[in-house]
Amino acid sequence: IDEKVGFVIEPRQLVLGNIREITGVDSKHVGRLEGKSSLARIGLIIHVTGGFLDPGNRIRLTLEMVNLSPLPIRIYAGMKIAQLAFEEISSNCERPYGSDSLGSKYKGDMTVQASKIWMNF
C-alpha cells in the first residue's frame, strides 16, 4: 500500500492483507485478533472469522477485511486497524498448530495465502 495514497476497499468487497509484525505464541498461549471498534462503526470488518492465533504458530497474520458500508473506505499502511489479545491456557497444548496429526494448512505463513479449504477433502 502506498503510504500516502492508501488503499480503497469498495462496498461489499473482500480484501486479504497481512499485518506488518510477525506474531507467534508457544504451546501454552493463544492469541485473538480483534478489529478496532471505530472502524466497525463505519462498516469495516477486519477479520471475518480467522482471528485465532493457535498455540505453537508463528506467522504474519492475514486479515480478511470486508467493507459492509455503502461507501468506499480508505485504509493506510501503518494505520491501527486491529488489536491482539493473548491468553494463557491451563496446560500445554498437546497438539500445537503444525502437528502432523492436524494437517495445519497455514503454519508459518508470512504472506497472504488464498483459501486452502480444498485440502480438507
PDB file of N, CA and C in Angstrom:
ATOM      1  N   ILE A   1       0.852  -1.185   0.000  1.00  0.00           N
ATOM      2  CA  ILE A   1       0.000   0.000   0.000  1.00  0.00           C
ATOM      3  C   ILE A   1       0.887   1.233   0.000  1.00  0.00           C
ATOM      4  N   ASP A   2       0.621   2.139  -0.907  1.00  0.00           N
ATOM      5  CA  ASP A   2       1.322   3.424  -0.923  1.00  0.00           C
ATOM      6  C   ASP A   2       0.922   4.185   0.341  1.00  0.00           C
ATOM      7  N   GLU A   3       1.896   4.537   1.168  1.00  0.00           N
ATOM      8  CA  GLU A   3       1.592   5.144   2.467  1.00  0.00           C
ATOM      9  C   GLU A   3       0.869   6.483   2.361  1.00  0.00           C
ATOM     10  N   LYS A   4       1.037   7.196   1.256  1.00  0.00           N
ATOM     11  CA  LYS A   4       0.366   8.489   1.101  1.00  0.00           C
ATOM     12  C   LYS A   4      -1.023   8.338   0.496  1.00  0.00           C
ATOM     13  N   VAL A   5      -1.165   7.407  -0.431  1.00  0.00           N
ATOM     14  CA  VAL A   5      -2.431   7.236  -1.146  1.00  0.00           C
ATOM     15  C   VAL A   5      -3.371   6.283  -0.415  1.00  0.00           C
ATOM     16  N   GLY A   6      -2.815   5.258   0.217  1.00  0.00           N
ATOM     17  CA  GLY A   6      -3.634   4.272   0.906  1.00  0.00           C
ATOM     18  C   GLY A   6      -4.243   3.269  -0.059  1.00  0.00           C
ATOM     19  N   PHE A   7      -5.220   2.548   0.420  1.00  0.00           N
ATOM     20  CA  PHE A   7      -5.891   1.514  -0.359  1.00  0.00           C
ATOM     21  C   PHE A   7      -7.381   1.622  -0.095  1.00  0.00           C
ATOM     22  N   VAL A   8      -8.173   1.629  -1.152  1.00  0.00           N
ATOM     23  CA  VAL A   8      -9.621   1.761  -1.016  1.00  0.00           C
ATOM     24  C   VAL A   8     -10.264   0.378  -1.054  1.00  0.00           C
ATOM     25  N   ILE A   9     -11.074   0.110  -0.046  1.00  0.00           N
ATOM     26  CA  ILE A   9     -11.890  -1.101  -0.030  1.00  0.00           C
ATOM     27  C   ILE A   9     -13.301  -0.672  -0.426  1.00  0.00           C
ATOM     28  N   GLU A  10     -13.743  -1.177  -1.551  1.00  0.00           N
ATOM     29  CA  GLU A  10     -15.045  -0.793  -2.095  1.00  0.00           C
ATOM     30  C   GLU A  10     -16.174  -1.466  -1.307  1.00  0.00           C
ATOM     31  N   PRO A  11     -17.391  -0.924  -1.405  1.00  0.00           N
ATOM     32  CA  PRO A  11     -18.532  -1.551  -0.736  1.00  0.00           C
ATOM     33  C   PRO A  11     -18.672  -3.023  -1.139  1.00  0.00           C
ATOM     34  N   ARG A  12     -18.944  -3.871  -0.150  1.00  0.00           N
ATOM     35  CA  ARG A  12     -19.134  -5.319  -0.320  1.00  0.00           C
ATOM     36  C   ARG A  12     -17.895  -6.040  -0.841  1.00  0.00           C
ATOM     37  N   GLN A  13     -16.747  -5.426  -0.795  1.00  0.00           N
ATOM     38  CA  GLN A  13     -15.508  -6.049  -1.273  1.00  0.00           C
ATOM     39  C   GLN A  13     -14.796  -6.775  -0.132  1.00  0.00           C
ATOM     40  N   LEU A  14     -14.259  -7.967  -0.450  1.00  0.00           N
ATOM     41  CA  LEU A  14     -13.421  -8.732   0.466  1.00  0.00           C
ATOM     42  C   LEU A  14     -11.979  -8.557   0.029  1.00  0.00           C
ATOM     43  N   VAL A  15     -11.105  -8.207   0.978  1.00  0.00           N
ATOM     44  CA  VAL A  15      -9.683  -7.995   0.694  1.00  0.00           C
ATOM     45  C   VAL A  15      -8.870  -8.771   1.721  1.00  0.00           C
ATOM     46  N   LEU A  16      -7.858  -9.500   1.248  1.00  0.00           N
ATOM     47  CA  LEU A  16      -6.930 -10.170   2.153  1.00  0.00           C
ATOM     48  C   LEU A  16      -5.676  -9.323   2.276  1.00  0.00           C
ATOM     49  N   GLY A  17      -5.148  -9.204   3.478  1.00  0.00           N
ATOM     50  CA  GLY A  17      -3.918  -8.449   3.705  1.00  0.00           C
ATOM     51  C   GLY A  17      -3.186  -8.995   4.914  1.00  0.00           C
ATOM     52  N   ASN A  18      -1.913  -8.665   5.028  1.00  0.00           N
ATOM     53  CA  ASN A  18      -1.105  -9.096   6.173  1.00  0.00           C
ATOM     54  C   ASN A  18      -0.822  -7.935   7.105  1.00  0.00           C
ATOM     55  N   ILE A  19      -0.642  -8.264   8.383  1.00  0.00           N
ATOM     56  CA  ILE A  19      -0.114  -7.270   9.306  1.00  0.00           C
ATOM     57  C   ILE A  19       1.401  -7.212   9.100  1.00  0.00           C
ATOM     58  N   ARG A  20       2.021  -6.145   9.529  1.00  0.00           N
ATOM     59  CA  ARG A  20       3.474  -5.991   9.362  1.00  0.00           C
ATOM     60  C   ARG A  20       4.264  -6.906  10.286  1.00  0.00           C
ATOM     61  N   GLU A  21       3.769  -7.084  11.498  1.00  0.00           N
ATOM     62  CA  GLU A  21       4.500  -7.808  12.527  1.00  0.00           C
ATOM     63  C   GLU A  21       4.388  -9.315  12.349  1.00  0.00           C
ATOM     64  N   ILE A  22       5.457 -10.012  12.707  1.00  0.00           N
ATOM     65  CA  ILE A  22       5.409 -11.463  12.805  1.00  0.00           C
ATOM     66  C   ILE A  22       5.022 -11.773  14.243  1.00  0.00           C
ATOM     67  N   THR A  23       3.996 -12.581  14.408  1.00  0.00           N
ATOM     68  CA  THR A  23       3.440 -12.850  15.724  1.00  0.00           C
ATOM     69  C   THR A  23       3.407 -14.352  15.966  1.00  0.00           C
ATOM     70  N   GLY A  24       3.702 -14.757  17.172  1.00  0.00           N
ATOM     71  CA  GLY A  24       3.645 -16.175  17.498  1.00  0.00           C
ATOM     72  C   GLY A  24       3.371 -16.390  18.968  1.00  0.00           C
ATOM     73  N   VAL A  25       2.915 -17.591  19.273  1.00  0.00           N
ATOM     74  CA  VAL A  25       2.687 -17.984  20.660  1.00  0.00           C
ATOM     75  C   VAL A  25       3.238 -19.386  20.869  1.00  0.00           C
ATOM     76  N   ASP A  26       3.621 -19.664  22.112  1.00  0.00           N
ATOM     77  CA  ASP A  26       4.113 -21.004  22.438  1.00  0.00           C
ATOM     78  C   ASP A  26       2.925 -21.944  22.654  1.00  0.00           C
ATOM     79  N   SER A  27       3.210 -23.152  23.099  1.00  0.00           N
ATOM     80  CA  SER A  27       2.146 -24.154  23.249  1.00  0.00           C
ATOM     81  C   SER A  27       1.288 -23.943  24.500  1.00  0.00           C
ATOM     82  N   LYS A  28       1.560 -22.895  25.250  1.00  0.00           N
ATOM     83  CA  LYS A  28       0.780 -22.615  26.462  1.00  0.00           C
ATOM     84  C   LYS A  28      -0.059 -21.333  26.336  1.00  0.00           C
ATOM     85  N   HIS A  29      -0.065 -20.731  25.139  1.00  0.00           N
ATOM     86  CA  HIS A  29      -0.803 -19.485  24.936  1.00  0.00           C
ATOM     87  C   HIS A  29      -1.587 -19.512  23.625  1.00  0.00           C
ATOM     88  N   VAL A  30      -2.605 -18.668  23.560  1.00  0.00           N
ATOM     89  CA  VAL A  30      -3.357 -18.432  22.332  1.00  0.00           C
ATOM     90  C   VAL A  30      -3.443 -16.922  22.127  1.00  0.00           C
ATOM     91  N   GLY A  31      -3.679 -16.533  20.893  1.00  0.00           N
ATOM     92  CA  GLY A  31      -3.876 -15.124  20.583  1.00  0.00           C
ATOM     93  C   GLY A  31      -5.211 -14.937  19.884  1.00  0.00           C
ATOM     94  N   ARG A  32      -5.788 -13.762  20.051  1.00  0.00           N
ATOM     95  CA  ARG A  32      -7.067 -13.459  19.422  1.00  0.00           C
ATOM     96  C   ARG A  32      -6.979 -12.080  18.772  1.00  0.00           C
ATOM     97  N   LEU A  33      -7.279 -12.020  17.498  1.00  0.00           N
ATOM     98  CA  LEU A  33      -7.253 -10.777  16.734  1.00  0.00           C
ATOM     99  C   LEU A  33      -8.639 -10.155  16.743  1.00  0.00           C
ATOM    100  N   GLU A  34      -8.702  -8.881  17.031  1.00  0.00           N
ATOM    101  CA  GLU A  34      -9.969  -8.151  17.023  1.00  0.00           C
ATOM    102  C   GLU A  34      -9.799  -6.856  16.246  1.00  0.00           C
ATOM    103  N   GLY A  35     -10.827  -6.471  15.528  1.00  0.00           N
ATOM    104  CA  GLY A  35     -10.818  -5.198  14.827  1.00  0.00           C
ATOM    105  C   GLY A  35     -11.058  -4.046  15.791  1.00  0.00           C
ATOM    106  N   LYS A  36     -10.714  -2.844  15.361  1.00  0.00           N
ATOM    107  CA  LYS A  36     -10.951  -1.649  16.173  1.00  0.00           C
ATOM    108  C   LYS A  36     -12.413  -1.224  16.018  1.00  0.00           C
ATOM    109  N   SER A  37     -13.047  -0.857  17.118  1.00  0.00           N
ATOM    110  CA  SER A  37     -14.478  -0.562  17.074  1.00  0.00           C
ATOM    111  C   SER A  37     -14.800   0.681  16.242  1.00  0.00           C
ATOM    112  N   SER A  38     -13.894   1.638  16.179  1.00  0.00           N
ATOM    113  CA  SER A  38     -14.162   2.839  15.370  1.00  0.00           C
ATOM    114  C   SER A  38     -14.329   2.485  13.899  1.00  0.00           C
ATOM    115  N   LEU A  39     -13.576   1.498  13.428  1.00  0.00           N
ATOM    116  CA  LEU A  39     -13.719   1.060  12.036  1.00  0.00           C
ATOM    117  C   LEU A  39     -14.975   0.214  11.858  1.00  0.00           C
ATOM    118  N   ALA A  40     -15.294  -0.618  12.835  1.00  0.00           N
ATOM    119  CA  ALA A  40     -16.516  -1.419  12.751  1.00  0.00           C
ATOM    120  C   ALA A  40     -17.742  -0.508  12.660  1.00  0.00           C
ATOM    121  N   ARG A  41     -17.680   0.627  13.319  1.00  0.00           N
ATOM    122  CA  ARG A  41     -18.821   1.544  13.338  1.00  0.00           C
ATOM    123  C   ARG A  41     -19.044   2.252  12.007  1.00  0.00           C
ATOM    124  N   ILE A  42     -18.056   2.188  11.118  1.00  0.00           N
ATOM    125  CA  ILE A  42     -18.270   2.728   9.767  1.00  0.00           C
ATOM    126  C   ILE A  42     -18.408   1.598   8.747  1.00  0.00           C
ATOM    127  N   GLY A  43     -18.459   0.344   9.239  1.00  0.00           N
ATOM    128  CA  GLY A  43     -18.742  -0.781   8.356  1.00  0.00           C
ATOM    129  C   GLY A  43     -17.562  -1.617   7.921  1.00  0.00           C
ATOM    130  N   LEU A  44     -16.369  -1.393   8.490  1.00  0.00           N
ATOM    131  CA  LEU A  44     -15.202  -2.176   8.083  1.00  0.00           C
ATOM    132  C   LEU A  44     -14.958  -3.301   9.086  1.00  0.00           C
ATOM    133  N   ILE A  45     -15.099  -4.529   8.608  1.00  0.00           N
ATOM    134  CA  ILE A  45     -14.816  -5.716   9.410  1.00  0.00           C
ATOM    135  C   ILE A  45     -13.373  -6.110   9.116  1.00  0.00           C
ATOM    136  N   ILE A  46     -12.550  -6.270  10.140  1.00  0.00           N
ATOM    137  CA  ILE A  46     -11.120  -6.522   9.968  1.00  0.00           C
ATOM    138  C   ILE A  46     -10.806  -7.994   9.785  1.00  0.00           C
ATOM    139  N   HIS A  47     -11.523  -8.862  10.446  1.00  0.00           N
ATOM    140  CA  HIS A  47     -11.341 -10.294  10.193  1.00  0.00           C
ATOM    141  C   HIS A  47     -12.710 -10.947  10.189  1.00  0.00           C
ATOM    142  N   VAL A  48     -12.944 -11.740   9.152  1.00  0.00           N
ATOM    143  CA  VAL A  48     -14.254 -12.356   9.007  1.00  0.00           C
ATOM    144  C   VAL A  48     -14.430 -13.457  10.048  1.00  0.00           C
ATOM    145  N   THR A  49     -13.542 -14.441  10.066  1.00  0.00           N
ATOM    146  CA  THR A  49     -13.619 -15.494  11.079  1.00  0.00           C
ATOM    147  C   THR A  49     -12.252 -15.991  11.516  1.00  0.00           C
ATOM    148  N   GLY A  50     -11.202 -15.616  10.832  1.00  0.00           N
ATOM    149  CA  GLY A  50      -9.879 -16.181  11.106  1.00  0.00           C
ATOM    150  C   GLY A  50      -9.063 -15.413  12.109  1.00  0.00           C
ATOM    151  N   GLY A  51      -9.622 -15.069  13.250  1.00  0.00           N
ATOM    152  CA  GLY A  51      -8.916 -14.226  14.200  1.00  0.00           C
ATOM    153  C   GLY A  51      -8.234 -14.946  15.339  1.00  0.00           C
ATOM    154  N   PHE A  52      -7.977 -16.232  15.192  1.00  0.00           N
ATOM    155  CA  PHE A  52      -7.405 -17.017  16.286  1.00  0.00           C
ATOM    156  C   PHE A  52      -5.965 -17.371  15.957  1.00  0.00           C
ATOM    157  N   LEU A  53      -5.050 -17.102  16.878  1.00  0.00           N
ATOM    158  CA  LEU A  53      -3.641 -17.481  16.735  1.00  0.00           C
ATOM    159  C   LEU A  53      -3.427 -18.734  17.576  1.00  0.00           C
ATOM    160  N   ASP A  54      -3.255 -19.851  16.884  1.00  0.00           N
ATOM    161  CA  ASP A  54      -3.177 -21.155  17.542  1.00  0.00           C
ATOM    162  C   ASP A  54      -1.884 -21.343  18.320  1.00  0.00           C
ATOM    163  N   PRO A  55      -1.935 -22.137  19.403  1.00  0.00           N
ATOM    164  CA  PRO A  55      -0.713 -22.468  20.135  1.00  0.00           C
ATOM    165  C   PRO A  55       0.327 -23.083  19.193  1.00  0.00           C
ATOM    166  N   GLY A  56       1.558 -22.614  19.302  1.00  0.00           N
ATOM    167  CA  GLY A  56       2.650 -23.163  18.506  1.00  0.00           C
ATOM    168  C   GLY A  56       2.830 -22.545  17.139  1.00  0.00           C
ATOM    169  N   ASN A  57       2.005 -21.585  16.756  1.00  0.00           N
ATOM    170  CA  ASN A  57       2.142 -20.991  15.425  1.00  0.00           C
ATOM    171  C   ASN A  57       2.847 -19.641  15.510  1.00  0.00           C
ATOM    172  N   ARG A  58       3.628 -19.346  14.492  1.00  0.00           N
ATOM    173  CA  ARG A  58       4.351 -18.071  14.367  1.00  0.00           C
ATOM    174  C   ARG A  58       4.182 -17.625  12.925  1.00  0.00           C
ATOM    175  N   ILE A  59       3.418 -16.563  12.716  1.00  0.00           N
ATOM    176  CA  ILE A  59       3.063 -16.137  11.365  1.00  0.00           C
ATOM    177  C   ILE A  59       2.946 -14.618  11.290  1.00  0.00           C
ATOM    178  N   ARG A  60       2.761 -14.156  10.078  1.00  0.00           N
ATOM    179  CA  ARG A  60       2.316 -12.783   9.831  1.00  0.00           C
ATOM    180  C   ARG A  60       0.815 -12.927   9.568  1.00  0.00           C
ATOM    181  N   LEU A  61       0.004 -12.518  10.522  1.00  0.00           N
ATOM    182  CA  LEU A  61      -1.439 -12.759  10.459  1.00  0.00           C
ATOM    183  C   LEU A  61      -2.068 -12.185   9.196  1.00  0.00           C
ATOM    184  N   THR A  62      -2.977 -12.939   8.625  1.00  0.00           N
ATOM    185  CA  THR A  62      -3.738 -12.494   7.462  1.00  0.00           C
ATOM    186  C   THR A  62      -5.054 -11.898   7.940  1.00  0.00           C
ATOM    187  N   LEU A  63      -5.375 -10.726   7.421  1.00  0.00           N
ATOM    188  CA  LEU A  63      -6.638 -10.063   7.721  1.00  0.00           C
ATOM    189  C   LEU A  63      -7.616 -10.362   6.591  1.00  0.00           C
ATOM    190  N   GLU A  64      -8.856 -10.659   6.945  1.00  0.00           N
ATOM    191  CA  GLU A  64      -9.924 -10.867   5.962  1.00  0.00           C
ATOM    192  C   GLU A  64     -10.876  -9.689   6.113  1.00  0.00           C
ATOM    193  N   MET A  65     -10.600  -8.618   5.385  1.00  0.00           N
ATOM    194  CA  MET A  65     -11.331  -7.363   5.573  1.00  0.00           C
ATOM    195  C   MET A  65     -12.511  -7.267   4.610  1.00  0.00           C
ATOM    196  N   VAL A  66     -13.652  -6.838   5.139  1.00  0.00           N
ATOM    197  CA  VAL A  66     -14.856  -6.661   4.333  1.00  0.00           C
ATOM    198  C   VAL A  66     -15.445  -5.292   4.640  1.00  0.00           C
ATOM    199  N   ASN A  67     -15.799  -4.582   3.585  1.00  0.00           N
ATOM    200  CA  ASN A  67     -16.470  -3.295   3.724  1.00  0.00           C
ATOM    201  C   ASN A  67     -17.975  -3.526   3.628  1.00  0.00           C
ATOM    202  N   LEU A  68     -18.678  -3.413   4.744  1.00  0.00           N
ATOM    203  CA  LEU A  68     -20.131  -3.575   4.771  1.00  0.00           C
ATOM    204  C   LEU A  68     -20.865  -2.266   4.499  1.00  0.00           C
ATOM    205  N   SER A  69     -20.127  -1.181   4.413  1.00  0.00           N
ATOM    206  CA  SER A  69     -20.700   0.142   4.212  1.00  0.00           C
ATOM    207  C   SER A  69     -21.120   0.330   2.750  1.00  0.00           C
ATOM    208  N   PRO A  70     -22.067   1.224   2.483  1.00  0.00           N
ATOM    209  CA  PRO A  70     -22.407   1.550   1.093  1.00  0.00           C
ATOM    210  C   PRO A  70     -21.386   2.495   0.447  1.00  0.00           C
ATOM    211  N   LEU A  71     -20.392   2.935   1.237  1.00  0.00           N
ATOM    212  CA  LEU A  71     -19.380   3.872   0.743  1.00  0.00           C
ATOM    213  C   LEU A  71     -18.000   3.231   0.770  1.00  0.00           C
ATOM    214  N   PRO A  72     -17.085   3.653  -0.114  1.00  0.00           N
ATOM    215  CA  PRO A  72     -15.709   3.149  -0.064  1.00  0.00           C
ATOM    216  C   PRO A  72     -15.030   3.573   1.242  1.00  0.00           C
ATOM    217  N   ILE A  73     -14.110   2.742   1.714  1.00  0.00           N
ATOM    218  CA  ILE A  73     -13.337   3.047   2.919  1.00  0.00           C
ATOM    219  C   ILE A  73     -11.864   2.952   2.563  1.00  0.00           C
ATOM    220  N   ARG A  74     -11.107   3.991   2.895  1.00  0.00           N
ATOM    221  CA  ARG A  74      -9.673   4.029   2.597  1.00  0.00           C
ATOM    222  C   ARG A  74      -8.881   3.679   3.856  1.00  0.00           C
ATOM    223  N   ILE A  75      -7.937   2.749   3.695  1.00  0.00           N
ATOM    224  CA  ILE A  75      -7.028   2.413   4.787  1.00  0.00           C
ATOM    225  C   ILE A  75      -5.609   2.742   4.344  1.00  0.00           C
ATOM    226  N   TYR A  76      -4.724   2.910   5.316  1.00  0.00           N
ATOM    227  CA  TYR A  76      -3.342   3.300   5.046  1.00  0.00           C
ATOM    228  C   TYR A  76      -2.375   2.340   5.728  1.00  0.00           C
ATOM    229  N   ALA A  77      -1.210   2.163   5.131  1.00  0.00           N
ATOM    230  CA  ALA A  77      -0.157   1.361   5.762  1.00  0.00           C
ATOM    231  C   ALA A  77       0.166   1.985   7.117  1.00  0.00           C
ATOM    232  N   GLY A  78       0.296   1.164   8.123  1.00  0.00           N
ATOM    233  CA  GLY A  78       0.608   1.648   9.458  1.00  0.00           C
ATOM    234  C   GLY A  78      -0.595   2.103  10.262  1.00  0.00           C
ATOM    235  N   MET A  79      -1.767   2.117   9.637  1.00  0.00           N
ATOM    236  CA  MET A  79      -2.988   2.526  10.330  1.00  0.00           C
ATOM    237  C   MET A  79      -3.352   1.475  11.377  1.00  0.00           C
ATOM    238  N   LYS A  80      -3.765   1.924  12.542  1.00  0.00           N
ATOM    239  CA  LYS A  80      -4.156   0.993  13.604  1.00  0.00           C
ATOM    240  C   LYS A  80      -5.577   0.504  13.336  1.00  0.00           C
ATOM    241  N   ILE A  81      -5.675  -0.727  12.815  1.00  0.00           N
ATOM    242  CA  ILE A  81      -6.982  -1.266  12.453  1.00  0.00           C
ATOM    243  C   ILE A  81      -7.351  -2.510  13.256  1.00  0.00           C
ATOM    244  N   ALA A  82      -6.396  -3.062  14.002  1.00  0.00           N
ATOM    245  CA  ALA A  82      -6.655  -4.297  14.742  1.00  0.00           C
ATOM    246  C   ALA A  82      -5.869  -4.293  16.044  1.00  0.00           C
ATOM    247  N   GLN A  83      -6.222  -5.227  16.898  1.00  0.00           N
ATOM    248  CA  GLN A  83      -5.506  -5.398  18.163  1.00  0.00           C
ATOM    249  C   GLN A  83      -5.472  -6.885  18.495  1.00  0.00           C
ATOM    250  N   LEU A  84      -4.450  -7.277  19.240  1.00  0.00           N
ATOM    251  CA  LEU A  84      -4.279  -8.673  19.637  1.00  0.00           C
ATOM    252  C   LEU A  84      -4.427  -8.810  21.143  1.00  0.00           C
ATOM    253  N   ALA A  85      -5.087  -9.875  21.552  1.00  0.00           N
ATOM    254  CA  ALA A  85      -5.175 -10.228  22.967  1.00  0.00           C
ATOM    255  C   ALA A  85      -4.564 -11.613  23.123  1.00  0.00           C
ATOM    256  N   PHE A  86      -3.778 -11.796  24.163  1.00  0.00           N
ATOM    257  CA  PHE A  86      -3.127 -13.081  24.417  1.00  0.00           C
ATOM    258  C   PHE A  86      -3.660 -13.660  25.716  1.00  0.00           C
ATOM    259  N   GLU A  87      -3.847 -14.971  25.713  1.00  0.00           N
ATOM    260  CA  GLU A  87      -4.345 -15.649  26.902  1.00  0.00           C
ATOM    261  C   GLU A  87      -3.511 -16.889  27.175  1.00  0.00           C
ATOM    262  N   GLU A  88      -3.334 -17.168  28.458  1.00  0.00           N
ATOM    263  CA  GLU A  88      -2.643 -18.388  28.853  1.00  0.00           C
ATOM    264  C   GLU A  88      -3.676 -19.498  28.995  1.00  0.00           C
ATOM    265  N   ILE A  89      -3.368 -20.677  28.451  1.00  0.00           N
ATOM    266  CA  ILE A  89      -4.272 -21.811  28.610  1.00  0.00           C
ATOM    267  C   ILE A  89      -3.837 -22.625  29.827  1.00  0.00           C
ATOM    268  N   SER A  90      -4.715 -23.460  30.333  1.00  0.00           N
ATOM    269  CA  SER A  90      -4.473 -24.135  31.612  1.00  0.00           C
ATOM    270  C   SER A  90      -3.344 -25.162  31.572  1.00  0.00           C
ATOM    271  N   SER A  91      -3.035 -25.692  30.399  1.00  0.00           N
ATOM    272  CA  SER A  91      -1.927 -26.648  30.282  1.00  0.00           C
ATOM    273  C   SER A  91      -1.343 -26.537  28.878  1.00  0.00           C
ATOM    274  N   ASN A  92      -0.161 -27.089  28.688  1.00  0.00           N
ATOM    275  CA  ASN A  92       0.439 -27.056  27.357  1.00  0.00           C
ATOM    276  C   ASN A  92      -0.474 -27.757  26.362  1.00  0.00           C
ATOM    277  N   CYS A  93      -0.580 -27.191  25.186  1.00  0.00           N
ATOM    278  CA  CYS A  93      -1.366 -27.788  24.111  1.00  0.00           C
ATOM    279  C   CYS A  93      -0.692 -29.096  23.684  1.00  0.00           C
ATOM    280  N   GLU A  94      -1.444 -30.173  23.651  1.00  0.00           N
ATOM    281  CA  GLU A  94      -0.873 -31.478  23.308  1.00  0.00           C
ATOM    282  C   GLU A  94      -0.514 -31.586  21.830  1.00  0.00           C
ATOM    283  N   ARG A  95      -1.295 -30.929  20.982  1.00  0.00           N
ATOM    284  CA  ARG A  95      -1.024 -30.949  19.540  1.00  0.00           C
ATOM    285  C   ARG A  95      -1.029 -29.510  19.022  1.00  0.00           C
ATOM    286  N   PRO A  96       0.090 -28.787  19.182  1.00  0.00           N
ATOM    287  CA  PRO A  96       0.116 -27.400  18.708  1.00  0.00           C
ATOM    288  C   PRO A  96      -0.039 -27.332  17.193  1.00  0.00           C
ATOM    289  N   TYR A  97      -0.421 -26.159  16.739  1.00  0.00           N
ATOM    290  CA  TYR A  97      -0.607 -25.940  15.305  1.00  0.00           C
ATOM    291  C   TYR A  97       0.643 -26.389  14.561  1.00  0.00           C
ATOM    292  N   GLY A  98       0.454 -27.150  13.511  1.00  0.00           N
ATOM    293  CA  GLY A  98       1.574 -27.670  12.740  1.00  0.00           C
ATOM    294  C   GLY A  98       1.895 -29.117  13.053  1.00  0.00           C
ATOM    295  N   SER A  99       1.281 -29.670  14.105  1.00  0.00           N
ATOM    296  CA  SER A  99       1.497 -31.082  14.422  1.00  0.00           C
ATOM    297  C   SER A  99       1.039 -31.938  13.241  1.00  0.00           C
ATOM    298  N   ASP A 100       1.770 -33.011  12.971  1.00  0.00           N
ATOM    299  CA  ASP A 100       1.468 -33.872  11.823  1.00  0.00           C
ATOM    300  C   ASP A 100       0.017 -34.342  11.807  1.00  0.00           C
ATOM    301  N   SER A 101      -0.540 -34.654  12.949  1.00  0.00           N
ATOM    302  CA  SER A 101      -1.903 -35.192  13.001  1.00  0.00           C
ATOM    303  C   SER A 101      -2.980 -34.151  12.690  1.00  0.00           C
ATOM    304  N   LEU A 102      -2.628 -32.874  12.700  1.00  0.00           N
ATOM    305  CA  LEU A 102      -3.628 -31.826  12.477  1.00  0.00           C
ATOM    306  C   LEU A 102      -3.833 -31.463  11.014  1.00  0.00           C
ATOM    307  N   GLY A 103      -2.827 -31.632  10.185  1.00  0.00           N
ATOM    308  CA  GLY A 103      -2.954 -31.190   8.794  1.00  0.00           C
ATOM    309  C   GLY A 103      -3.042 -29.674   8.684  1.00  0.00           C
ATOM    310  N   SER A 104      -2.293 -28.961   9.485  1.00  0.00           N
ATOM    311  CA  SER A 104      -2.322 -27.490   9.514  1.00  0.00           C
ATOM    312  C   SER A 104      -1.933 -26.926   8.150  1.00  0.00           C
ATOM    313  N   LYS A 105      -2.769 -26.043   7.613  1.00  0.00           N
ATOM    314  CA  LYS A 105      -2.564 -25.535   6.254  1.00  0.00           C
ATOM    315  C   LYS A 105      -1.781 -24.227   6.184  1.00  0.00           C
ATOM    316  N   TYR A 106      -1.779 -23.446   7.232  1.00  0.00           N
ATOM    317  CA  TYR A 106      -1.202 -22.107   7.149  1.00  0.00           C
ATOM    318  C   TYR A 106      -0.032 -21.897   8.108  1.00  0.00           C
ATOM    319  N   LYS A 107       0.585 -22.951   8.596  1.00  0.00           N
ATOM    320  CA  LYS A 107       1.681 -22.833   9.567  1.00  0.00           C
ATOM    321  C   LYS A 107       2.824 -22.011   8.993  1.00  0.00           C
ATOM    322  N   GLY A 108       3.248 -21.023   9.751  1.00  0.00           N
ATOM    323  CA  GLY A 108       4.409 -20.226   9.384  1.00  0.00           C
ATOM    324  C   GLY A 108       4.208 -19.277   8.218  1.00  0.00           C
ATOM    325  N   ASP A 109       2.983 -19.042   7.787  1.00  0.00           N
ATOM    326  CA  ASP A 109       2.747 -18.149   6.644  1.00  0.00           C
ATOM    327  C   ASP A 109       3.272 -16.742   6.924  1.00  0.00           C
ATOM    328  N   MET A 110       3.987 -16.205   5.955  1.00  0.00           N
ATOM    329  CA  MET A 110       4.495 -14.837   6.072  1.00  0.00           C
ATOM    330  C   MET A 110       3.901 -13.928   4.997  1.00  0.00           C
ATOM    331  N   THR A 111       3.135 -14.512   4.072  1.00  0.00           N
ATOM    332  CA  THR A 111       2.460 -13.733   3.033  1.00  0.00           C
ATOM    333  C   THR A 111       1.002 -14.174   2.968  1.00  0.00           C
ATOM    334  N   VAL A 112       0.187 -13.368   2.316  1.00  0.00           N
ATOM    335  CA  VAL A 112      -1.227 -13.696   2.157  1.00  0.00           C
ATOM    336  C   VAL A 112      -1.353 -14.998   1.371  1.00  0.00           C
ATOM    337  N   GLN A 113      -2.198 -15.881   1.856  1.00  0.00           N
ATOM    338  CA  GLN A 113      -2.478 -17.142   1.177  1.00  0.00           C
ATOM    339  C   GLN A 113      -3.969 -17.206   0.878  1.00  0.00           C
ATOM    340  N   ALA A 114      -4.299 -17.634  -0.326  1.00  0.00           N
ATOM    341  CA  ALA A 114      -5.703 -17.875  -0.651  1.00  0.00           C
ATOM    342  C   ALA A 114      -6.186 -19.065   0.173  1.00  0.00           C
ATOM    343  N   SER A 115      -7.479 -19.247   0.232  1.00  0.00           N
ATOM    344  CA  SER A 115      -8.055 -20.358   0.986  1.00  0.00           C
ATOM    345  C   SER A 115      -7.503 -21.694   0.507  1.00  0.00           C
ATOM    346  N   LYS A 116      -7.200 -22.540   1.457  1.00  0.00           N
ATOM    347  CA  LYS A 116      -6.742 -23.904   1.156  1.00  0.00           C
ATOM    348  C   LYS A 116      -7.777 -24.920   1.625  1.00  0.00           C
ATOM    349  N   ILE A 117      -9.037 -24.532   1.584  1.00  0.00           N
ATOM    350  CA  ILE A 117     -10.097 -25.412   2.069  1.00  0.00           C
ATOM    351  C   ILE A 117     -10.150 -26.717   1.285  1.00  0.00           C
ATOM    352  N   TRP A 118      -9.714 -26.692   0.048  1.00  0.00           N
ATOM    353  CA  TRP A 118      -9.712 -27.902  -0.782  1.00  0.00           C
ATOM    354  C   TRP A 118      -8.897 -29.021  -0.139  1.00  0.00           C
ATOM    355  N   MET A 119      -7.945 -28.671   0.727  1.00  0.00           N
ATOM    356  CA  MET A 119      -7.122 -29.685   1.386  1.00  0.00           C
ATOM    357  C   MET A 119      -7.912 -30.479   2.435  1.00  0.00           C
ATOM    358  N   ASN A 120      -9.107 -30.001   2.779  1.00  0.00           N
ATOM    359  CA  ASN A 120      -9.948 -30.706   3.747  1.00  0.00           C
ATOM    360  C   ASN A 120     -10.668 -31.903   3.138  1.00  0.00           C
ATOM    361  N   PHE A 121     -10.620 -32.026   1.810  1.00  0.00           N
ATOM    362  CA  PHE A 121     -11.396 -33.078   1.138  1.00  0.00           C
ATOM    363  C   PHE A 121     -10.509 -34.118   0.507  1.00  0.00           C
TER     364      PHE A 121
END
